[in-house]
Amino acid sequence: METVGAYEAKTHLPKLIERVIKGERITITKHGVPVAVLQSPTPPRQAEPRKIIAELRKFRENHNLEGLSIRDMIEEGRR
């Protein structure tokens, strides 16, 4: 992990971001004391498609449009 000073980080932020995108982790220091870390965010958890479909079906069982059509709702939203 590389260390850079706060002034250098401010001056070269776009370059540092490009390095982080490539997988590097960079510590930013102020007067030699670590104050921040630049790193990629953790990737979002991937949900299982079957579980999502089951949840959508369960939601649909408990919620209905009570006779409204999608077209009716679109037209109502335009007013």
N, C-alpha and C. Protein backbone atom coordinates (compact mmCIF):
# COMPACT_ATOMS: atom_id res chain seq x y z
N MET A 1 0.86 -1.17 0.00
CA MET A 1 0.00 0.00 0.00
C MET A 1 0.90 1.23 0.00
N GLU A 2 0.62 2.13 -0.90
CA GLU A 2 1.41 3.35 -1.02
C GLU A 2 0.86 4.44 -0.12
N THR A 3 1.73 5.36 0.28
CA THR A 3 1.35 6.49 1.11
C THR A 3 1.65 7.78 0.36
N VAL A 4 0.70 8.70 0.37
CA VAL A 4 0.91 10.02 -0.24
C VAL A 4 0.44 11.09 0.73
N GLY A 5 1.06 12.26 0.65
CA GLY A 5 0.66 13.37 1.50
C GLY A 5 -0.65 13.98 1.02
N ALA A 6 -1.30 14.71 1.92
CA ALA A 6 -2.60 15.31 1.60
C ALA A 6 -2.48 16.30 0.45
N TYR A 7 -1.42 17.10 0.42
CA TYR A 7 -1.25 18.08 -0.65
C TYR A 7 -1.10 17.37 -2.00
N GLU A 8 -0.27 16.32 -2.03
CA GLU A 8 -0.09 15.56 -3.27
C GLU A 8 -1.39 14.89 -3.69
N ALA A 9 -2.14 14.38 -2.73
CA ALA A 9 -3.42 13.72 -3.04
C ALA A 9 -4.38 14.73 -3.66
N LYS A 10 -4.41 15.95 -3.10
CA LYS A 10 -5.30 16.99 -3.63
C LYS A 10 -4.88 17.37 -5.05
N THR A 11 -3.59 17.49 -5.26
CA THR A 11 -3.06 17.93 -6.54
C THR A 11 -3.22 16.86 -7.62
N HIS A 12 -3.08 15.60 -7.25
CA HIS A 12 -3.08 14.51 -8.23
C HIS A 12 -4.24 13.53 -8.05
N LEU A 13 -5.36 14.01 -7.53
CA LEU A 13 -6.49 13.12 -7.25
C LEU A 13 -6.94 12.30 -8.45
N PRO A 14 -7.11 12.89 -9.65
CA PRO A 14 -7.54 12.06 -10.79
C PRO A 14 -6.59 10.90 -11.08
N LYS A 15 -5.29 11.13 -10.96
CA LYS A 15 -4.32 10.05 -11.19
C LYS A 15 -4.43 8.99 -10.10
N LEU A 16 -4.62 9.43 -8.87
CA LEU A 16 -4.77 8.47 -7.77
C LEU A 16 -6.02 7.62 -7.95
N ILE A 17 -7.10 8.25 -8.39
CA ILE A 17 -8.34 7.50 -8.62
C ILE A 17 -8.13 6.45 -9.70
N GLU A 18 -7.42 6.79 -10.75
CA GLU A 18 -7.14 5.80 -11.80
C GLU A 18 -6.36 4.62 -11.24
N ARG A 19 -5.42 4.89 -10.36
CA ARG A 19 -4.65 3.81 -9.74
C ARG A 19 -5.53 2.93 -8.86
N VAL A 20 -6.46 3.57 -8.13
CA VAL A 20 -7.39 2.82 -7.28
C VAL A 20 -8.28 1.93 -8.14
N ILE A 21 -8.71 2.46 -9.28
CA ILE A 21 -9.54 1.67 -10.19
C ILE A 21 -8.80 0.41 -10.62
N LYS A 22 -7.49 0.51 -10.75
CA LYS A 22 -6.67 -0.64 -11.18
C LYS A 22 -6.38 -1.59 -10.02
N GLY A 23 -6.88 -1.26 -8.82
CA GLY A 23 -6.74 -2.19 -7.71
C GLY A 23 -5.81 -1.76 -6.60
N GLU A 24 -5.15 -0.62 -6.72
CA GLU A 24 -4.25 -0.18 -5.66
C GLU A 24 -5.03 0.37 -4.48
N ARG A 25 -4.38 0.38 -3.35
CA ARG A 25 -4.93 0.97 -2.12
C ARG A 25 -3.92 2.01 -1.67
N ILE A 26 -4.37 3.25 -1.46
CA ILE A 26 -3.46 4.35 -1.18
C ILE A 26 -3.86 5.01 0.14
N THR A 27 -2.88 5.18 1.03
CA THR A 27 -3.11 5.87 2.30
C THR A 27 -2.71 7.33 2.14
N ILE A 28 -3.58 8.22 2.59
CA ILE A 28 -3.30 9.65 2.55
C ILE A 28 -2.90 10.08 3.97
N THR A 29 -1.79 10.82 4.04
CA THR A 29 -1.30 11.27 5.33
C THR A 29 -1.30 12.79 5.42
N LYS A 30 -1.36 13.27 6.63
CA LYS A 30 -1.22 14.71 6.88
C LYS A 30 -0.16 14.84 7.97
N HIS A 31 0.94 15.47 7.61
CA HIS A 31 2.09 15.60 8.51
C HIS A 31 2.57 14.22 8.97
N GLY A 32 2.53 13.24 8.06
CA GLY A 32 3.02 11.90 8.35
C GLY A 32 2.04 11.00 9.08
N VAL A 33 0.88 11.50 9.42
CA VAL A 33 -0.12 10.71 10.15
C VAL A 33 -1.21 10.27 9.17
N PRO A 34 -1.49 8.97 9.08
CA PRO A 34 -2.54 8.50 8.17
C PRO A 34 -3.90 9.11 8.56
N VAL A 35 -4.59 9.68 7.55
CA VAL A 35 -5.90 10.28 7.81
C VAL A 35 -7.01 9.70 6.94
N ALA A 36 -6.64 9.03 5.85
CA ALA A 36 -7.66 8.46 4.96
C ALA A 36 -7.03 7.36 4.11
N VAL A 37 -7.90 6.52 3.57
CA VAL A 37 -7.46 5.46 2.66
C VAL A 37 -8.33 5.52 1.41
N LEU A 38 -7.67 5.54 0.25
CA LEU A 38 -8.39 5.45 -1.02
C LEU A 38 -8.37 4.00 -1.46
N GLN A 39 -9.54 3.44 -1.66
CA GLN A 39 -9.62 2.06 -2.14
C GLN A 39 -10.96 1.87 -2.84
N SER A 40 -11.03 0.85 -3.66
CA SER A 40 -12.28 0.55 -4.36
C SER A 40 -13.32 0.09 -3.36
N PRO A 41 -14.58 0.46 -3.59
CA PRO A 41 -15.63 -0.04 -2.69
C PRO A 41 -15.79 -1.53 -2.89
N THR A 42 -16.30 -2.17 -1.88
CA THR A 42 -16.53 -3.61 -2.02
C THR A 42 -17.65 -3.82 -3.04
N PRO A 43 -17.53 -4.83 -3.87
CA PRO A 43 -18.58 -5.05 -4.88
C PRO A 43 -19.90 -5.42 -4.20
N PRO A 44 -21.02 -5.00 -4.78
CA PRO A 44 -22.32 -5.33 -4.18
C PRO A 44 -22.55 -6.84 -4.21
N ARG A 45 -23.23 -7.32 -3.17
CA ARG A 45 -23.54 -8.74 -3.12
C ARG A 45 -24.49 -9.10 -4.24
N GLN A 46 -24.23 -10.19 -4.91
CA GLN A 46 -25.10 -10.65 -5.98
C GLN A 46 -26.21 -11.51 -5.38
N ALA A 47 -27.44 -11.10 -5.63
CA ALA A 47 -28.59 -11.87 -5.15
C ALA A 47 -28.87 -13.01 -6.11
N GLU A 48 -29.47 -14.04 -5.58
CA GLU A 48 -29.81 -15.20 -6.40
C GLU A 48 -31.08 -14.89 -7.19
N PRO A 49 -31.05 -15.06 -8.51
CA PRO A 49 -32.24 -14.76 -9.32
C PRO A 49 -33.49 -15.52 -8.87
N ARG A 50 -33.36 -16.78 -8.51
CA ARG A 50 -34.53 -17.55 -8.08
C ARG A 50 -35.16 -16.94 -6.82
N LYS A 51 -34.31 -16.45 -5.91
CA LYS A 51 -34.82 -15.85 -4.68
C LYS A 51 -35.56 -14.54 -5.00
N ILE A 52 -35.02 -13.74 -5.90
CA ILE A 52 -35.65 -12.49 -6.28
C ILE A 52 -37.01 -12.74 -6.94
N ILE A 53 -37.05 -13.72 -7.84
CA ILE A 53 -38.30 -14.06 -8.52
C ILE A 53 -39.35 -14.52 -7.51
N ALA A 54 -38.93 -15.35 -6.55
CA ALA A 54 -39.86 -15.82 -5.52
C ALA A 54 -40.40 -14.66 -4.69
N GLU A 55 -39.53 -13.71 -4.35
CA GLU A 55 -39.97 -12.54 -3.58
C GLU A 55 -40.95 -11.69 -4.37
N LEU A 56 -40.69 -11.52 -5.68
CA LEU A 56 -41.61 -10.75 -6.53
C LEU A 56 -42.97 -11.43 -6.61
N ARG A 57 -42.98 -12.74 -6.76
CA ARG A 57 -44.25 -13.47 -6.82
C ARG A 57 -45.02 -13.34 -5.51
N LYS A 58 -44.31 -13.42 -4.39
CA LYS A 58 -44.95 -13.27 -3.09
C LYS A 58 -45.54 -11.86 -2.95
N PHE A 59 -44.80 -10.85 -3.40
CA PHE A 59 -45.28 -9.47 -3.36
C PHE A 59 -46.55 -9.32 -4.18
N ARG A 60 -46.56 -9.92 -5.37
CA ARG A 60 -47.72 -9.81 -6.25
C ARG A 60 -48.96 -10.46 -5.65
N GLU A 61 -48.79 -11.50 -4.85
CA GLU A 61 -49.93 -12.16 -4.21
C GLU A 61 -50.64 -11.21 -3.25
N ASN A 62 -49.88 -10.36 -2.58
CA ASN A 62 -50.44 -9.47 -1.56
C ASN A 62 -50.80 -8.08 -2.09
N HIS A 63 -50.45 -7.79 -3.33
CA HIS A 63 -50.70 -6.46 -3.89
C HIS A 63 -51.32 -6.62 -5.28
N ASN A 64 -52.41 -5.90 -5.51
CA ASN A 64 -53.00 -5.95 -6.84
C ASN A 64 -53.39 -4.53 -7.28
N LEU A 65 -53.74 -4.40 -8.53
CA LEU A 65 -54.07 -3.08 -9.09
C LEU A 65 -55.54 -2.73 -8.96
N GLU A 66 -56.32 -3.63 -8.40
CA GLU A 66 -57.75 -3.42 -8.18
C GLU A 66 -58.46 -2.91 -9.43
N GLY A 67 -58.24 -3.57 -10.56
CA GLY A 67 -58.92 -3.24 -11.79
C GLY A 67 -58.25 -2.19 -12.65
N LEU A 68 -57.23 -1.53 -12.15
CA LEU A 68 -56.52 -0.53 -12.96
C LEU A 68 -55.56 -1.22 -13.93
N SER A 69 -55.43 -0.62 -15.09
CA SER A 69 -54.43 -1.13 -16.03
C SER A 69 -53.21 -0.23 -15.99
N ILE A 70 -52.12 -0.73 -16.47
CA ILE A 70 -50.90 0.07 -16.54
C ILE A 70 -51.16 1.33 -17.37
N ARG A 71 -51.88 1.18 -18.48
CA ARG A 71 -52.19 2.32 -19.34
C ARG A 71 -52.97 3.39 -18.56
N ASP A 72 -53.96 2.97 -17.75
CA ASP A 72 -54.73 3.91 -16.94
C ASP A 72 -53.83 4.69 -15.99
N MET A 73 -52.89 3.99 -15.36
CA MET A 73 -51.98 4.65 -14.41
C MET A 73 -51.05 5.62 -15.15
N ILE A 74 -50.60 5.28 -16.34
CA ILE A 74 -49.74 6.17 -17.11
C ILE A 74 -50.51 7.44 -17.45
N GLU A 75 -51.74 7.26 -17.93
CA GLU A 75 -52.55 8.42 -18.30
C GLU A 75 -52.85 9.29 -17.08
N GLU A 76 -53.12 8.68 -15.95
CA GLU A 76 -53.39 9.44 -14.73
C GLU A 76 -52.17 10.25 -14.31
N GLY A 77 -50.98 9.68 -14.49
CA GLY A 77 -49.75 10.37 -14.14
C GLY A 77 -49.46 11.55 -15.05
N ARG A 78 -50.01 11.58 -16.24
CA ARG A 78 -49.76 12.67 -17.18
C ARG A 78 -50.63 13.88 -16.89
N ARG A 79 -51.64 13.73 -16.07
CA ARG A 79 -52.55 14.85 -15.79
C ARG A 79 -51.98 15.79 -14.79
